Protein backbone atom coordinates (compact mmCIF):
# COMPACT_ATOMS: atom_id res chain seq x y z
CA MET A 1 -15.02 9.94 -26.93
CA LEU A 2 -11.80 8.44 -25.87
CA LEU A 3 -11.73 4.73 -24.73
CA SER A 4 -9.47 3.63 -21.80
CA MET A 5 -7.75 0.26 -22.13
CA THR A 6 -8.55 -0.51 -18.43
CA GLY A 7 -11.96 -1.97 -18.03
CA PHE A 8 -14.35 -4.75 -16.41
CA GLY A 9 -17.17 -6.26 -17.73
CA LYS A 10 -19.30 -9.16 -16.03
CA SER A 11 -22.75 -11.31 -16.92
CA VAL A 12 -24.48 -14.01 -15.42
CA VAL A 13 -27.00 -15.97 -17.61
CA THR A 14 -29.14 -18.74 -16.11
CA ILE A 15 -30.91 -21.54 -17.83
CA PRO A 16 -32.89 -24.49 -16.35
CA ASN A 17 -29.84 -26.51 -15.15
CA LYS A 18 -26.98 -24.08 -15.30
CA LYS A 19 -25.77 -20.86 -14.32
CA ILE A 20 -23.07 -19.51 -16.65
CA THR A 21 -21.03 -16.39 -15.31
CA VAL A 22 -18.53 -14.66 -17.81
CA GLU A 23 -15.94 -11.84 -16.78
CA ILE A 24 -13.74 -10.05 -18.97
CA LYS A 25 -11.11 -7.46 -17.88
CA SER A 26 -8.77 -5.48 -19.84
CA LEU A 27 -5.40 -3.66 -19.16
CA ASN A 28 -2.86 -1.79 -21.18
CA SER A 29 -0.88 -3.39 -23.86
CA LYS A 30 0.33 -2.36 -27.27
CA GLN A 31 -1.30 -5.45 -29.11
CA LEU A 32 -4.45 -7.64 -28.46
CA ASP A 33 -3.41 -10.28 -25.90
CA ILE A 34 -6.49 -12.65 -24.90
CA SER A 35 -5.78 -15.00 -21.93
CA ALA A 36 -9.01 -17.42 -21.68
CA ARG A 37 -9.94 -19.75 -18.89
CA VAL A 38 -12.92 -21.79 -20.36
CA PRO A 39 -14.22 -24.89 -18.87
CA ALA A 40 -14.13 -28.11 -20.46
CA ILE A 41 -17.60 -28.30 -21.74
CA PHE A 42 -17.33 -24.76 -23.55
CA ARG A 43 -13.91 -25.52 -25.12
CA GLU A 44 -15.29 -26.22 -28.56
CA LYS A 45 -16.46 -22.56 -28.59
CA GLU A 46 -13.22 -20.94 -27.51
CA LEU A 47 -12.12 -19.76 -30.89
CA GLU A 48 -15.56 -18.29 -31.63
CA LEU A 49 -15.47 -16.51 -28.36
CA ARG A 50 -12.05 -15.25 -28.99
CA ASN A 51 -12.90 -13.87 -32.36
CA LEU A 52 -16.08 -12.24 -31.03
CA ILE A 53 -13.99 -10.50 -28.18
CA ALA A 54 -11.32 -9.62 -30.89
CA SER A 55 -13.98 -7.93 -33.16
CA VAL A 56 -14.85 -5.33 -30.23
CA VAL A 57 -11.91 -4.94 -28.03
CA GLU A 58 -9.13 -4.44 -30.76
CA ARG A 59 -6.44 -3.79 -28.25
CA GLY A 60 -5.11 -4.46 -24.83
CA LYS A 61 -4.32 -7.28 -22.55
CA VAL A 62 -7.79 -9.17 -21.93
CA ASP A 63 -8.48 -11.70 -19.19
CA PHE A 64 -11.47 -13.70 -20.22
CA GLN A 65 -12.89 -16.22 -17.71
CA ILE A 66 -16.25 -18.44 -17.84
CA TYR A 67 -17.69 -20.08 -14.88
CA SER A 68 -20.40 -22.86 -15.15
CA GLU A 69 -22.49 -23.96 -12.22
CA SER A 70 -25.21 -26.70 -12.23
CA ILE A 71 -28.43 -25.95 -10.42
CA GLY A 72 -31.44 -27.95 -9.85
CA ALA A 73 -31.32 -31.64 -9.64
CA GLU A 74 -28.68 -32.10 -12.21
CA THR A 75 -25.42 -33.35 -11.03
CA THR A 76 -21.97 -34.89 -12.82
CA VAL A 77 -21.20 -36.84 -9.54
CA SER A 78 -22.94 -40.21 -8.60
CA LEU A 79 -22.46 -42.74 -6.09
CA ASN A 80 -21.69 -46.50 -7.72
CA ILE A 81 -24.03 -48.15 -5.71
CA PRO A 82 -23.74 -51.86 -7.20
CA LEU A 83 -19.94 -51.89 -6.66
CA MET A 84 -20.45 -50.43 -3.08
CA ALA A 85 -22.91 -53.48 -2.47
CA ALA A 86 -20.20 -55.87 -3.79
CA TYR A 87 -17.64 -54.28 -1.38
CA LYS A 88 -20.01 -54.46 1.55
CA ALA A 89 -20.67 -58.14 0.79
CA GLN A 90 -16.83 -58.74 0.82
CA VAL A 91 -16.32 -56.73 3.92
CA GLU A 92 -18.92 -59.05 5.68
CA GLU A 93 -17.49 -62.19 4.62
CA MET A 94 -14.08 -61.13 5.61
CA ALA A 95 -15.47 -60.49 8.86
CA ARG A 96 -16.95 -64.04 9.35
CA GLN A 97 -13.75 -65.64 8.28
CA LEU A 98 -11.70 -63.73 10.52
CA GLY A 99 -13.95 -63.46 13.26
CA ILE A 100 -13.86 -59.80 13.66
CA PRO A 101 -16.83 -57.47 13.94
CA TRP A 102 -18.35 -55.18 10.97
CA PRO A 103 -17.37 -51.69 10.90
CA ASP A 104 -19.23 -49.06 12.85
CA ASP A 105 -19.20 -46.76 10.15
CA TRP A 106 -20.30 -48.38 6.95
CA TYR A 107 -20.51 -45.06 4.98
CA GLY A 108 -16.91 -44.07 5.91
CA VAL A 109 -15.40 -47.49 5.05
CA LEU A 110 -17.29 -47.88 1.68
CA LEU A 111 -16.57 -44.35 0.33
CA ARG A 112 -12.86 -45.10 0.69
CA PHE A 113 -12.83 -47.93 -1.74
CA PRO A 114 -11.75 -47.22 -5.28
CA GLU A 115 -14.26 -45.94 -7.97
CA THR A 116 -17.35 -45.81 -5.46
CA VAL A 117 -17.96 -42.26 -6.55
CA LYS A 118 -18.33 -41.59 -10.09
CA SER A 119 -17.51 -38.21 -11.90
CA GLU A 120 -19.44 -38.20 -15.10
CA LEU A 121 -17.86 -36.63 -18.15
CA PRO A 122 -19.59 -33.51 -19.23
CA ALA A 123 -22.52 -34.02 -21.91
CA ALA A 124 -22.15 -32.37 -25.28
CA LEU A 125 -23.16 -28.74 -25.32
CA THR A 126 -26.63 -28.12 -26.07
CA ASP A 127 -28.01 -25.19 -28.42
CA GLU A 128 -29.64 -23.76 -25.48
CA GLU A 129 -26.21 -23.65 -23.31
CA SER A 130 -24.37 -22.35 -26.40
CA GLU A 131 -26.73 -19.55 -26.82
CA ALA A 132 -26.74 -18.72 -23.18
CA LEU A 133 -22.75 -18.69 -23.36
CA PHE A 134 -22.61 -16.21 -26.31
CA ASN A 135 -25.17 -14.09 -25.02
CA ALA A 136 -23.42 -13.78 -21.40
CA THR A 137 -20.13 -13.09 -23.52
CA ARG A 138 -21.83 -10.24 -25.25
CA GLU A 139 -23.30 -8.64 -22.20
CA ALA A 140 -19.74 -8.90 -20.37
CA ILE A 141 -18.14 -7.16 -23.56
CA ASP A 142 -20.83 -4.38 -23.52
CA GLY A 143 -20.00 -3.84 -19.75
CA LEU A 144 -16.41 -3.81 -20.42
CA MET A 145 -16.83 -1.26 -23.39
CA GLN A 146 -19.02 0.78 -21.11
CA PHE A 147 -16.66 0.68 -18.29
CA ARG A 148 -13.69 1.93 -20.97
CA ALA A 149 -16.10 4.82 -22.24
CA LYS A 150 -16.45 6.12 -18.89
CA GLU A 151 -12.55 6.14 -18.10
CA GLY A 152 -12.12 7.64 -21.45
CA LYS A 153 -14.20 10.30 -20.73
CA LYS A 154 -12.29 11.04 -17.44
CA LEU A 155 -9.08 10.84 -19.36
CA GLU A 156 -10.61 13.30 -22.03
CA GLU A 157 -11.34 15.80 -19.10
CA PHE A 158 -7.79 15.05 -17.75
CA PHE A 159 -6.07 15.83 -20.88
CA THR A 160 -8.28 18.94 -21.65
CA LYS A 161 -7.11 20.55 -18.32
CA LYS A 162 -3.32 19.76 -18.87
CA ILE A 163 -3.29 21.04 -22.33
CA SER A 164 -5.04 24.29 -21.11
CA ASN A 165 -2.34 24.61 -18.34
CA ILE A 166 0.32 24.26 -20.94
CA ARG A 167 -1.26 26.79 -23.07
CA GLU A 168 -1.54 29.04 -20.20
CA LEU A 169 2.12 28.60 -19.30
CA LEU A 170 2.99 29.15 -23.01
CA SER A 171 1.32 32.78 -22.82
CA SER A 172 3.24 33.47 -19.58
CA VAL A 173 6.39 33.55 -21.70
CA ASP A 174 5.25 36.69 -23.79
CA PRO A 175 6.09 39.23 -21.13
CA TYR A 176 9.55 38.15 -20.85
CA GLU A 177 10.39 38.20 -24.58
CA LYS A 178 11.25 41.99 -25.01
CA GLU A 179 13.04 42.00 -21.54
CA ARG A 180 15.02 38.73 -22.31
CA VAL A 181 16.27 40.43 -25.47
CA VAL A 182 17.20 43.73 -23.80
CA LYS A 183 19.07 41.81 -20.98
CA ILE A 184 21.10 39.90 -23.62
CA ARG A 185 22.01 42.78 -25.34
CA ALA A 186 23.07 44.86 -22.26
CA ARG A 187 25.17 41.78 -21.05
CA ILE A 188 27.14 41.74 -24.21
CA GLU A 189 27.62 45.56 -24.14
CA GLU A 190 28.66 45.64 -20.49
CA ASN A 191 31.24 42.74 -20.90
CA LEU A 192 32.75 44.48 -23.90
CA SER A 193 33.11 47.80 -22.20
CA LYS A 194 35.18 45.99 -19.56
CA ILE A 195 37.59 45.22 -22.09
CA ASP A 196 40.53 48.00 -22.12
CA SER A 197 42.39 49.06 -25.25
CA VAL A 198 40.20 47.50 -27.68
CA THR A 199 38.64 49.11 -30.65
CA PHE A 200 35.56 47.52 -32.70
CA ASP A 201 33.27 48.39 -35.57
CA LYS A 202 29.92 49.38 -33.92
CA ASN A 203 27.88 48.47 -37.20
CA ARG A 204 29.44 45.15 -37.20
CA LEU A 205 28.95 44.62 -33.67
CA GLU A 206 25.29 45.51 -34.23
CA GLN A 207 24.87 42.79 -37.01
CA GLU A 208 26.51 40.36 -34.89
CA MET A 209 24.38 40.94 -31.98
CA ILE A 210 21.29 40.99 -34.26
CA PHE A 211 22.42 37.72 -35.59
CA TYR A 212 23.09 36.16 -32.02
CA ILE A 213 19.84 37.44 -30.69
CA GLU A 214 18.02 35.79 -33.74
CA LYS A 215 19.67 32.47 -32.83
CA LEU A 216 18.14 32.64 -29.39
CA ASP A 217 14.65 33.56 -30.88
CA ILE A 218 11.97 31.26 -29.58
CA ASN A 219 8.88 32.39 -31.42
CA GLU A 220 9.24 29.29 -33.87
CA GLU A 221 9.09 27.14 -30.88
CA LYS A 222 6.04 28.95 -29.37
CA GLN A 223 4.07 28.85 -32.46
CA ARG A 224 4.92 25.03 -33.23
CA LEU A 225 4.03 24.26 -29.63
CA ALA A 226 0.62 25.98 -29.71
CA GLN A 227 0.20 24.09 -33.02
CA HIS A 228 0.77 20.67 -31.35
CA LEU A 229 -1.41 21.78 -28.57
CA ASN A 230 -4.40 22.59 -31.05
CA TYR A 231 -3.75 19.23 -32.87
CA PHE A 232 -3.71 17.26 -29.73
CA MET A 233 -7.25 18.52 -29.10
CA GLU A 234 -8.24 17.99 -32.61
CA THR A 235 -7.08 14.33 -32.49
CA MET A 236 -8.74 13.77 -29.00
CA GLU A 237 -12.05 14.82 -30.48
CA HIS A 238 -12.01 12.17 -33.35
CA GLY A 239 -12.66 9.38 -30.49
CA ASN A 240 -11.57 5.81 -30.40
CA GLY A 241 -8.34 4.55 -32.01
CA GLN A 242 -6.16 7.69 -31.26
CA GLY A 243 -4.00 6.52 -28.39
CA LYS A 244 -0.76 6.08 -30.46
CA LYS A 245 -1.33 9.31 -32.15
CA LEU A 246 -1.69 11.12 -29.17
CA GLY A 247 1.68 9.67 -27.92
CA PHE A 248 3.45 10.91 -30.90
CA ILE A 249 2.00 14.23 -30.50
CA SER A 250 3.24 14.46 -27.09
CA GLN A 251 6.68 13.72 -28.22
CA GLU A 252 6.60 16.63 -30.53
CA MET A 253 5.38 18.80 -27.92
CA GLY A 254 8.17 17.68 -25.52
CA ARG A 255 10.89 18.53 -28.15
CA GLU A 256 9.40 21.93 -28.59
CA ILE A 257 9.36 22.52 -24.83
CA ASN A 258 12.95 21.33 -24.32
CA THR A 259 14.14 23.68 -27.12
CA LEU A 260 12.29 26.61 -25.70
CA GLY A 261 13.93 25.86 -22.38
CA SER A 262 17.38 25.59 -24.03
CA LYS A 263 17.27 28.81 -26.04
CA SER A 264 15.46 31.00 -23.62
CA ASN A 265 18.51 32.11 -21.71
CA HIS A 266 16.07 33.55 -18.93
CA ALA A 267 15.48 32.17 -15.51
CA GLU A 268 11.88 32.93 -15.26
CA VAL A 269 11.26 31.50 -18.82
CA GLN A 270 13.13 28.34 -17.52
CA LYS A 271 10.79 28.21 -14.48
CA ILE A 272 7.84 28.06 -16.87
CA VAL A 273 9.56 25.51 -19.03
CA VAL A 274 9.79 23.20 -16.02
CA LYS A 275 6.16 23.52 -15.03
CA MET A 276 5.34 22.75 -18.78
CA LYS A 277 7.39 19.50 -18.69
CA ASP A 278 5.61 18.68 -15.54
CA GLU A 279 2.23 19.04 -16.93
CA LEU A 280 3.53 17.05 -20.32
CA GLU A 281 4.72 14.18 -18.31
CA GLN A 282 1.29 13.86 -16.52
CA ILE A 283 -0.06 13.48 -19.95
CA LYS A 284 2.39 11.12 -21.40
CA GLU A 285 1.67 8.78 -18.36
CA GLN A 286 -2.01 8.57 -19.20
CA VAL A 287 -1.77 8.54 -22.86
CA LEU A 288 -0.40 4.89 -22.57
CA ASN A 289 -4.07 3.98 -21.26
CA VAL A 290 -5.91 5.29 -24.55
CA MET A 291 -7.06 3.11 -27.20
């Protein structure tokens, strides 16, 4: 099965004092490019997390984010009550000396003084938190890969339909083959008949016409295009990691279609070629999203 490079995975793991959320999003890219946003407490594990993602995702532009939320009674912010008491005593002493009233809102006054609110540095990462982090990351990666597989299935169905359409269009060229040769021959003979007082060797003319018509023959292009269509389907069935190869096959298909159009020398065949080009362009656009 094909894998799309577009995907999203999310996991939330809760432990007694913390909720850890991991989100992974991937988009099309020729190489693996991981952009990570990791809270300070988990920073020591960032390299291991990147390696874990790289071992599974392989290619694409990956946006990796971790959110950590404290729950329960635990908090990293506290009031510096002894310092606030010292500030309050100084304000009261100032009021007595200056003969002014005490503040009506002690809370507002005291909280505006520096360092009355302490933000504690995060503690060292515990084994429980580390295990929860990696579990959440693995679950998010699994979700991402399931999303990619689902989108890959849609791409596989899309490509199958487009290849079938090109195959049908190629078959529709056959009825015009004999008609095309007859028309070319008739046009040459008609133009020669319009030239007065010119004699020519009919046998030599026959040889030249055969040579000319052979140069306009499109059977080889049709055969090679049919082979490329088969090869595209075979490659797609091989599953993951075939994106670049499918892109190369699409380019070869385009070359054969272009040559077929330039050699056809027939209005109806050229209309068919235009339709094939349209189908192929839709394939090329989506091949970029394949792993």
